[in-house]
Amino acid sequence: MNSLVAALLAALLLLLLAAWRLVWRPRAVARSLARQGLQGLPYRFLAGSLTEAKRLAVARRRGAPPLDAASHDIMPFLLPPFHKWVADYGK
């Protein structure tokens, strides 16, 4: 009986910890950043901004011009989502 109660308490603790890390904490960070004036993409449970990052990467590969040998700005080619987000939301 004691081991069953201990197992249920451990499972409940793990569930609460997972809910805190996956739901509450990201929302709290987003609210804190919004209070400081930093806006960004809305929080999406587990997926985050992966769908937009994938869409931007595919779009960048389709219409990518060749790299300019004189330019050292490779950020738009390596991380197109980051480059777009910096342009949209600032540094």
PDB file of N, CA and C in Angstrom:
ATOM      1  N   MET A   1       0.817  -1.188   0.000  1.00  0.00           N
ATOM      2  CA  MET A   1       0.000   0.000   0.000  1.00  0.00           C
ATOM      3  C   MET A   1       0.868   1.262   0.000  1.00  0.00           C
ATOM      4  N   ASN A   2       1.922   1.240   0.822  1.00  0.00           N
ATOM      5  CA  ASN A   2       2.807   2.399   0.897  1.00  0.00           C
ATOM      6  C   ASN A   2       3.532   2.646  -0.423  1.00  0.00           C
ATOM      7  N   SER A   3       3.925   1.569  -1.094  1.00  0.00           N
ATOM      8  CA  SER A   3       4.626   1.737  -2.366  1.00  0.00           C
ATOM      9  C   SER A   3       3.690   2.283  -3.446  1.00  0.00           C
ATOM     10  N   LEU A   4       2.412   1.928  -3.387  1.00  0.00           N
ATOM     11  CA  LEU A   4       1.431   2.457  -4.338  1.00  0.00           C
ATOM     12  C   LEU A   4       1.238   3.955  -4.133  1.00  0.00           C
ATOM     13  N   VAL A   5       1.143   4.377  -2.908  1.00  0.00           N
ATOM     14  CA  VAL A   5       0.987   5.804  -2.594  1.00  0.00           C
ATOM     15  C   VAL A   5       2.235   6.570  -3.026  1.00  0.00           C
ATOM     16  N   ALA A   6       3.398   5.994  -2.758  1.00  0.00           N
ATOM     17  CA  ALA A   6       4.649   6.643  -3.146  1.00  0.00           C
ATOM     18  C   ALA A   6       4.740   6.759  -4.668  1.00  0.00           C
ATOM     19  N   ALA A   7       4.327   5.727  -5.380  1.00  0.00           N
ATOM     20  CA  ALA A   7       4.362   5.763  -6.844  1.00  0.00           C
ATOM     21  C   ALA A   7       3.383   6.798  -7.384  1.00  0.00           C
ATOM     22  N   LEU A   8       2.208   6.889  -6.802  1.00  0.00           N
ATOM     23  CA  LEU A   8       1.223   7.888  -7.244  1.00  0.00           C
ATOM     24  C   LEU A   8       1.715   9.311  -6.965  1.00  0.00           C
ATOM     25  N   LEU A   9       2.337   9.504  -5.799  1.00  0.00           N
ATOM     26  CA  LEU A   9       2.886  10.828  -5.479  1.00  0.00           C
ATOM     27  C   LEU A   9       4.034  11.195  -6.421  1.00  0.00           C
ATOM     28  N   ALA A  10       4.862  10.218  -6.746  1.00  0.00           N
ATOM     29  CA  ALA A  10       5.965  10.471  -7.680  1.00  0.00           C
ATOM     30  C   ALA A  10       5.424  10.808  -9.069  1.00  0.00           C
ATOM     31  N   ALA A  11       4.396  10.096  -9.513  1.00  0.00           N
ATOM     32  CA  ALA A  11       3.792  10.375 -10.813  1.00  0.00           C
ATOM     33  C   ALA A  11       3.147  11.757 -10.836  1.00  0.00           C
ATOM     34  N   LEU A  12       2.487  12.115  -9.754  1.00  0.00           N
ATOM     35  CA  LEU A  12       1.876  13.440  -9.657  1.00  0.00           C
ATOM     36  C   LEU A  12       2.941  14.533  -9.671  1.00  0.00           C
ATOM     37  N   LEU A  13       4.017  14.302  -8.971  1.00  0.00           N
ATOM     38  CA  LEU A  13       5.117  15.262  -8.951  1.00  0.00           C
ATOM     39  C   LEU A  13       5.714  15.433 -10.348  1.00  0.00           C
ATOM     40  N   LEU A  14       5.923  14.341 -11.049  1.00  0.00           N
ATOM     41  CA  LEU A  14       6.456  14.417 -12.411  1.00  0.00           C
ATOM     42  C   LEU A  14       5.494  15.141 -13.355  1.00  0.00           C
ATOM     43  N   LEU A  15       4.213  14.904 -13.191  1.00  0.00           N
ATOM     44  CA  LEU A  15       3.213  15.581 -14.008  1.00  0.00           C
ATOM     45  C   LEU A  15       3.205  17.084 -13.749  1.00  0.00           C
ATOM     46  N   LEU A  16       3.272  17.469 -12.489  1.00  0.00           N
ATOM     47  CA  LEU A  16       3.315  18.890 -12.149  1.00  0.00           C
ATOM     48  C   LEU A  16       4.597  19.554 -12.639  1.00  0.00           C
ATOM     49  N   LEU A  17       5.714  18.864 -12.526  1.00  0.00           N
ATOM     50  CA  LEU A  17       6.979  19.393 -13.009  1.00  0.00           C
ATOM     51  C   LEU A  17       6.950  19.578 -14.525  1.00  0.00           C
ATOM     52  N   ALA A  18       6.403  18.602 -15.232  1.00  0.00           N
ATOM     53  CA  ALA A  18       6.298  18.710 -16.690  1.00  0.00           C
ATOM     54  C   ALA A  18       5.378  19.863 -17.083  1.00  0.00           C
ATOM     55  N   ALA A  19       4.259  20.016 -16.386  1.00  0.00           N
ATOM     56  CA  ALA A  19       3.348  21.126 -16.686  1.00  0.00           C
ATOM     57  C   ALA A  19       4.019  22.467 -16.418  1.00  0.00           C
ATOM     58  N   TRP A  20       4.801  22.545 -15.372  1.00  0.00           N
ATOM     59  CA  TRP A  20       5.487  23.799 -15.066  1.00  0.00           C
ATOM     60  C   TRP A  20       6.501  24.134 -16.149  1.00  0.00           C
ATOM     61  N   ARG A  21       7.288  23.153 -16.557  1.00  0.00           N
ATOM     62  CA  ARG A  21       8.348  23.415 -17.538  1.00  0.00           C
ATOM     63  C   ARG A  21       7.809  23.609 -18.954  1.00  0.00           C
ATOM     64  N   LEU A  22       6.750  22.914 -19.318  1.00  0.00           N
ATOM     65  CA  LEU A  22       6.264  22.969 -20.695  1.00  0.00           C
ATOM     66  C   LEU A  22       5.170  24.002 -20.934  1.00  0.00           C
ATOM     67  N   VAL A  23       4.461  24.404 -19.894  1.00  0.00           N
ATOM     68  CA  VAL A  23       3.338  25.325 -20.083  1.00  0.00           C
ATOM     69  C   VAL A  23       3.567  26.641 -19.355  1.00  0.00           C
ATOM     70  N   TRP A  24       3.720  26.561 -18.051  1.00  0.00           N
ATOM     71  CA  TRP A  24       3.745  27.793 -17.271  1.00  0.00           C
ATOM     72  C   TRP A  24       5.000  28.608 -17.514  1.00  0.00           C
ATOM     73  N   ARG A  25       6.163  27.995 -17.493  1.00  0.00           N
ATOM     74  CA  ARG A  25       7.425  28.736 -17.603  1.00  0.00           C
ATOM     75  C   ARG A  25       7.556  29.485 -18.931  1.00  0.00           C
ATOM     76  N   PRO A  26       7.311  28.872 -20.095  1.00  0.00           N
ATOM     77  CA  PRO A  26       7.410  29.637 -21.344  1.00  0.00           C
ATOM     78  C   PRO A  26       6.435  30.812 -21.396  1.00  0.00           C
ATOM     79  N   ARG A  27       5.244  30.631 -20.874  1.00  0.00           N
ATOM     80  CA  ARG A  27       4.279  31.740 -20.861  1.00  0.00           C
ATOM     81  C   ARG A  27       4.728  32.852 -19.919  1.00  0.00           C
ATOM     82  N   ALA A  28       5.307  32.489 -18.794  1.00  0.00           N
ATOM     83  CA  ALA A  28       5.800  33.497 -17.852  1.00  0.00           C
ATOM     84  C   ALA A  28       6.952  34.296 -18.464  1.00  0.00           C
ATOM     85  N   VAL A  29       7.828  33.635 -19.168  1.00  0.00           N
ATOM     86  CA  VAL A  29       8.937  34.325 -19.827  1.00  0.00           C
ATOM     87  C   VAL A  29       8.399  35.256 -20.915  1.00  0.00           C
ATOM     88  N   ALA A  30       7.432  34.795 -21.694  1.00  0.00           N
ATOM     89  CA  ALA A  30       6.847  35.637 -22.745  1.00  0.00           C
ATOM     90  C   ALA A  30       6.166  36.867 -22.154  1.00  0.00           C
ATOM     91  N   ARG A  31       5.449  36.690 -21.048  1.00  0.00           N
ATOM     92  CA  ARG A  31       4.807  37.840 -20.389  1.00  0.00           C
ATOM     93  C   ARG A  31       5.856  38.821 -19.865  1.00  0.00           C
ATOM     94  N   SER A  32       6.916  38.308 -19.291  1.00  0.00           N
ATOM     95  CA  SER A  32       7.970  39.162 -18.764  1.00  0.00           C
ATOM     96  C   SER A  32       8.641  39.956 -19.883  1.00  0.00           C
ATOM     97  N   LEU A  33       8.915  39.313 -20.991  1.00  0.00           N
ATOM     98  CA  LEU A  33       9.522  40.012 -22.124  1.00  0.00           C
ATOM     99  C   LEU A  33       8.562  41.033 -22.725  1.00  0.00           C
ATOM    100  N   ALA A  34       7.275  40.711 -22.772  1.00  0.00           N
ATOM    101  CA  ALA A  34       6.287  41.650 -23.306  1.00  0.00           C
ATOM    102  C   ALA A  34       6.185  42.889 -22.416  1.00  0.00           C
ATOM    103  N   ARG A  35       6.299  42.720 -21.115  1.00  0.00           N
ATOM    104  CA  ARG A  35       6.286  43.874 -20.213  1.00  0.00           C
ATOM    105  C   ARG A  35       7.480  44.783 -20.448  1.00  0.00           C
ATOM    106  N   GLN A  36       8.581  44.218 -20.933  1.00  0.00           N
ATOM    107  CA  GLN A  36       9.778  45.001 -21.211  1.00  0.00           C
ATOM    108  C   GLN A  36       9.751  45.593 -22.613  1.00  0.00           C
ATOM    109  N   GLY A  37       8.689  45.296 -23.366  1.00  0.00           N
ATOM    110  CA  GLY A  37       8.551  45.854 -24.703  1.00  0.00           C
ATOM    111  C   GLY A  37       9.064  44.964 -25.814  1.00  0.00           C
ATOM    112  N   LEU A  38       9.436  43.743 -25.503  1.00  0.00           N
ATOM    113  CA  LEU A  38       9.930  42.819 -26.521  1.00  0.00           C
ATOM    114  C   LEU A  38       8.789  41.926 -26.979  1.00  0.00           C
ATOM    115  N   GLN A  39       8.347  42.141 -28.194  1.00  0.00           N
ATOM    116  CA  GLN A  39       7.291  41.309 -28.753  1.00  0.00           C
ATOM    117  C   GLN A  39       7.933  40.271 -29.666  1.00  0.00           C
ATOM    118  N   GLY A  40       7.284  39.177 -29.810  1.00  0.00           N
ATOM    119  CA  GLY A  40       7.804  38.126 -30.665  1.00  0.00           C
ATOM    120  C   GLY A  40       6.671  37.228 -31.118  1.00  0.00           C
ATOM    121  N   LEU A  41       7.049  36.060 -31.570  1.00  0.00           N
ATOM    122  CA  LEU A  41       6.047  35.098 -32.003  1.00  0.00           C
ATOM    123  C   LEU A  41       5.253  34.604 -30.802  1.00  0.00           C
ATOM    124  N   PRO A  42       3.978  34.305 -30.972  1.00  0.00           N
ATOM    125  CA  PRO A  42       3.207  33.782 -29.849  1.00  0.00           C
ATOM    126  C   PRO A  42       3.676  32.373 -29.474  1.00  0.00           C
ATOM    127  N   TYR A  43       3.492  32.031 -28.205  1.00  0.00           N
ATOM    128  CA  TYR A  43       3.900  30.713 -27.712  1.00  0.00           C
ATOM    129  C   TYR A  43       2.955  29.648 -28.237  1.00  0.00           C
ATOM    130  N   ARG A  44       3.532  28.578 -28.760  1.00  0.00           N
ATOM    131  CA  ARG A  44       2.745  27.419 -29.185  1.00  0.00           C
ATOM    132  C   ARG A  44       3.282  26.198 -28.449  1.00  0.00           C
ATOM    133  N   PHE A  45       2.396  25.466 -27.828  1.00  0.00           N
ATOM    134  CA  PHE A  45       2.766  24.332 -26.992  1.00  0.00           C
ATOM    135  C   PHE A  45       3.581  23.311 -27.774  1.00  0.00           C
ATOM    136  N   LEU A  46       4.737  22.991 -27.285  1.00  0.00           N
ATOM    137  CA  LEU A  46       5.695  22.018 -27.814  1.00  0.00           C
ATOM    138  C   LEU A  46       6.282  22.385 -29.177  1.00  0.00           C
ATOM    139  N   ALA A  47       5.516  22.934 -30.084  1.00  0.00           N
ATOM    140  CA  ALA A  47       6.030  23.210 -31.429  1.00  0.00           C
ATOM    141  C   ALA A  47       6.864  24.481 -31.470  1.00  0.00           C
ATOM    142  N   GLY A  48       6.520  25.460 -30.651  1.00  0.00           N
ATOM    143  CA  GLY A  48       7.256  26.716 -30.674  1.00  0.00           C
ATOM    144  C   GLY A  48       7.116  27.395 -32.020  1.00  0.00           C
ATOM    145  N   SER A  49       8.224  27.821 -32.576  1.00  0.00           N
ATOM    146  CA  SER A  49       8.206  28.507 -33.864  1.00  0.00           C
ATOM    147  C   SER A  49       8.773  27.626 -34.981  1.00  0.00           C
ATOM    148  N   LEU A  50       8.746  26.326 -34.781  1.00  0.00           N
ATOM    149  CA  LEU A  50       9.331  25.419 -35.766  1.00  0.00           C
ATOM    150  C   LEU A  50       8.623  25.472 -37.115  1.00  0.00           C
ATOM    151  N   THR A  51       7.302  25.636 -37.115  1.00  0.00           N
ATOM    152  CA  THR A  51       6.583  25.656 -38.392  1.00  0.00           C
ATOM    153  C   THR A  51       6.973  26.876 -39.213  1.00  0.00           C
ATOM    154  N   GLU A  52       7.091  28.038 -38.580  1.00  0.00           N
ATOM    155  CA  GLU A  52       7.500  29.228 -39.323  1.00  0.00           C
ATOM    156  C   GLU A  52       8.956  29.127 -39.753  1.00  0.00           C
ATOM    157  N   ALA A  53       9.814  28.584 -38.912  1.00  0.00           N
ATOM    158  CA  ALA A  53      11.221  28.422 -39.261  1.00  0.00           C
ATOM    159  C   ALA A  53      11.372  27.502 -40.465  1.00  0.00           C
ATOM    160  N   LYS A  54      10.610  26.431 -40.493  1.00  0.00           N
ATOM    161  CA  LYS A  54      10.679  25.504 -41.621  1.00  0.00           C
ATOM    162  C   LYS A  54      10.177  26.165 -42.899  1.00  0.00           C
ATOM    163  N   ARG A  55       9.069  26.917 -42.788  1.00  0.00           N
ATOM    164  CA  ARG A  55       8.521  27.602 -43.957  1.00  0.00           C
ATOM    165  C   ARG A  55       9.514  28.620 -44.505  1.00  0.00           C
ATOM    166  N   LEU A  56      10.180  29.362 -43.631  1.00  0.00           N
ATOM    167  CA  LEU A  56      11.157  30.351 -44.074  1.00  0.00           C
ATOM    168  C   LEU A  56      12.386  29.698 -44.699  1.00  0.00           C
ATOM    169  N   ALA A  57      12.821  28.581 -44.135  1.00  0.00           N
ATOM    170  CA  ALA A  57      13.991  27.890 -44.682  1.00  0.00           C
ATOM    171  C   ALA A  57      13.703  27.349 -46.074  1.00  0.00           C
ATOM    172  N   VAL A  58      12.522  26.783 -46.270  1.00  0.00           N
ATOM    173  CA  VAL A  58      12.154  26.259 -47.591  1.00  0.00           C
ATOM    174  C   VAL A  58      12.031  27.399 -48.594  1.00  0.00           C
ATOM    175  N   ALA A  59      11.411  28.501 -48.191  1.00  0.00           N
ATOM    176  CA  ALA A  59      11.267  29.644 -49.088  1.00  0.00           C
ATOM    177  C   ALA A  59      12.628  30.228 -49.440  1.00  0.00           C
ATOM    178  N   ARG A  60      13.541  30.232 -48.496  1.00  0.00           N
ATOM    179  CA  ARG A  60      14.879  30.780 -48.746  1.00  0.00           C
ATOM    180  C   ARG A  60      15.645  29.901 -49.727  1.00  0.00           C
ATOM    181  N   ARG A  61      15.505  28.589 -49.619  1.00  0.00           N
ATOM    182  CA  ARG A  61      16.214  27.685 -50.531  1.00  0.00           C
ATOM    183  C   ARG A  61      15.697  27.800 -51.955  1.00  0.00           C
ATOM    184  N   ARG A  62      14.409  28.062 -52.090  1.00  0.00           N
ATOM    185  CA  ARG A  62      13.831  28.171 -53.431  1.00  0.00           C
ATOM    186  C   ARG A  62      14.356  29.383 -54.186  1.00  0.00           C
ATOM    187  N   GLY A  63      14.400  30.531 -53.521  1.00  0.00           N
ATOM    188  CA  GLY A  63      14.772  31.756 -54.205  1.00  0.00           C
ATOM    189  C   GLY A  63      16.105  32.309 -53.777  1.00  0.00           C
ATOM    190  N   ALA A  64      17.029  31.449 -53.397  1.00  0.00           N
ATOM    191  CA  ALA A  64      18.319  31.915 -52.896  1.00  0.00           C
ATOM    192  C   ALA A  64      19.237  32.313 -54.035  1.00  0.00           C
ATOM    193  N   PRO A  65      19.661  33.570 -54.050  1.00  0.00           N
ATOM    194  CA  PRO A  65      20.656  33.968 -55.045  1.00  0.00           C
ATOM    195  C   PRO A  65      22.020  33.420 -54.637  1.00  0.00           C
ATOM    196  N   PRO A  66      22.966  33.367 -55.545  1.00  0.00           N
ATOM    197  CA  PRO A  66      24.296  32.875 -55.166  1.00  0.00           C
ATOM    198  C   PRO A  66      24.956  33.825 -54.165  1.00  0.00           C
ATOM    199  N   LEU A  67      25.813  33.264 -53.359  1.00  0.00           N
ATOM    200  CA  LEU A  67      26.509  34.079 -52.366  1.00  0.00           C
ATOM    201  C   LEU A  67      27.455  35.057 -53.047  1.00  0.00           C
ATOM    202  N   ASP A  68      27.490  36.274 -52.532  1.00  0.00           N
ATOM    203  CA  ASP A  68      28.414  37.286 -53.022  1.00  0.00           C
ATOM    204  C   ASP A  68      29.758  37.039 -52.348  1.00  0.00           C
ATOM    205  N   ALA A  69      30.816  36.869 -53.134  1.00  0.00           N
ATOM    206  CA  ALA A  69      32.126  36.547 -52.580  1.00  0.00           C
ATOM    207  C   ALA A  69      32.692  37.711 -51.771  1.00  0.00           C
ATOM    208  N   ALA A  70      32.250  38.936 -52.027  1.00  0.00           N
ATOM    209  CA  ALA A  70      32.782  40.093 -51.317  1.00  0.00           C
ATOM    210  C   ALA A  70      32.049  40.341 -49.999  1.00  0.00           C
ATOM    211  N   SER A  71      30.922  39.701 -49.804  1.00  0.00           N
ATOM    212  CA  SER A  71      30.129  39.950 -48.607  1.00  0.00           C
ATOM    213  C   SER A  71      30.379  38.879 -47.556  1.00  0.00           C
ATOM    214  N   HIS A  72      30.467  39.324 -46.316  1.00  0.00           N
ATOM    215  CA  HIS A  72      30.635  38.400 -45.203  1.00  0.00           C
ATOM    216  C   HIS A  72      29.324  38.197 -44.459  1.00  0.00           C
ATOM    217  N   ASP A  73      28.245  38.746 -44.962  1.00  0.00           N
ATOM    218  CA  ASP A  73      26.936  38.622 -44.317  1.00  0.00           C
ATOM    219  C   ASP A  73      26.289  37.308 -44.764  1.00  0.00           C
ATOM    220  N   ILE A  74      26.537  36.251 -44.013  1.00  0.00           N
ATOM    221  CA  ILE A  74      25.995  34.942 -44.372  1.00  0.00           C
ATOM    222  C   ILE A  74      24.793  34.561 -43.515  1.00  0.00           C
ATOM    223  N   MET A  75      24.402  35.445 -42.601  1.00  0.00           N
ATOM    224  CA  MET A  75      23.297  35.145 -41.700  1.00  0.00           C
ATOM    225  C   MET A  75      21.996  34.833 -42.442  1.00  0.00           C
ATOM    226  N   PRO A  76      21.613  35.583 -43.488  1.00  0.00           N
ATOM    227  CA  PRO A  76      20.369  35.247 -44.186  1.00  0.00           C
ATOM    228  C   PRO A  76      20.399  33.861 -44.834  1.00  0.00           C
ATOM    229  N   PHE A  77      21.574  33.361 -45.147  1.00  0.00           N
ATOM    230  CA  PHE A  77      21.678  32.048 -45.773  1.00  0.00           C
ATOM    231  C   PHE A  77      21.709  30.929 -44.748  1.00  0.00           C
ATOM    232  N   LEU A  78      22.363  31.168 -43.613  1.00  0.00           N
ATOM    233  CA  LEU A  78      22.474  30.127 -42.605  1.00  0.00           C
ATOM    234  C   LEU A  78      21.219  29.998 -41.754  1.00  0.00           C
ATOM    235  N   LEU A  79      20.696  31.130 -41.311  1.00  0.00           N
ATOM    236  CA  LEU A  79      19.535  31.127 -40.418  1.00  0.00           C
ATOM    237  C   LEU A  79      18.492  32.122 -40.910  1.00  0.00           C
ATOM    238  N   PRO A  80      17.763  31.773 -41.962  1.00  0.00           N
ATOM    239  CA  PRO A  80      16.766  32.724 -42.471  1.00  0.00           C
ATOM    240  C   PRO A  80      15.688  33.088 -41.467  1.00  0.00           C
ATOM    241  N   PRO A  81      15.223  32.171 -40.607  1.00  0.00           N
ATOM    242  CA  PRO A  81      14.208  32.592 -39.628  1.00  0.00           C
ATOM    243  C   PRO A  81      14.749  33.646 -38.668  1.00  0.00           C
ATOM    244  N   PHE A  82      15.968  33.448 -38.194  1.00  0.00           N
ATOM    245  CA  PHE A  82      16.556  34.404 -37.262  1.00  0.00           C
ATOM    246  C   PHE A  82      16.737  35.760 -37.932  1.00  0.00           C
ATOM    247  N   HIS A  83      17.191  35.753 -39.165  1.00  0.00           N
ATOM    248  CA  HIS A  83      17.377  37.007 -39.905  1.00  0.00           C
ATOM    249  C   HIS A  83      16.049  37.743 -40.060  1.00  0.00           C
ATOM    250  N   LYS A  84      14.975  37.031 -40.375  1.00  0.00           N
ATOM    251  CA  LYS A  84      13.674  37.663 -40.537  1.00  0.00           C
ATOM    252  C   LYS A  84      13.134  38.173 -39.203  1.00  0.00           C
ATOM    253  N   TRP A  85      13.308  37.389 -38.142  1.00  0.00           N
ATOM    254  CA  TRP A  85      12.791  37.798 -36.835  1.00  0.00           C
ATOM    255  C   TRP A  85      13.520  39.029 -36.320  1.00  0.00           C
ATOM    256  N   VAL A  86      14.828  39.128 -36.582  1.00  0.00           N
ATOM    257  CA  VAL A  86      15.554  40.316 -36.171  1.00  0.00           C
ATOM    258  C   VAL A  86      15.044  41.531 -36.935  1.00  0.00           C
ATOM    259  N   ALA A  87      14.762  41.335 -38.225  1.00  0.00           N
ATOM    260  CA  ALA A  87      14.220  42.440 -39.018  1.00  0.00           C
ATOM    261  C   ALA A  87      12.811  42.815 -38.531  1.00  0.00           C
ATOM    262  N   ASP A  88      12.005  41.842 -38.155  1.00  0.00           N
ATOM    263  CA  ASP A  88      10.629  42.116 -37.719  1.00  0.00           C
ATOM    264  C   ASP A  88      10.557  42.668 -36.300  1.00  0.00           C
ATOM    265  N   TYR A  89      11.291  42.056 -35.380  1.00  0.00           N
ATOM    266  CA  TYR A  89      11.129  42.361 -33.964  1.00  0.00           C
ATOM    267  C   TYR A  89      12.288  43.143 -33.358  1.00  0.00           C
ATOM    268  N   GLY A  90      13.349  43.316 -34.088  1.00  0.00           N
ATOM    269  CA  GLY A  90      14.509  44.045 -33.566  1.00  0.00           C
ATOM    270  C   GLY A  90      15.477  43.130 -32.840  1.00  0.00           C
ATOM    271  N   LYS A  91      16.628  43.710 -32.522  1.00  0.00           N
ATOM    272  CA  LYS A  91      17.668  42.908 -31.849  1.00  0.00           C
ATOM    273  C   LYS A  91      17.380  42.788 -30.382  1.00  0.00           C
TER     274      LYS A  91
END
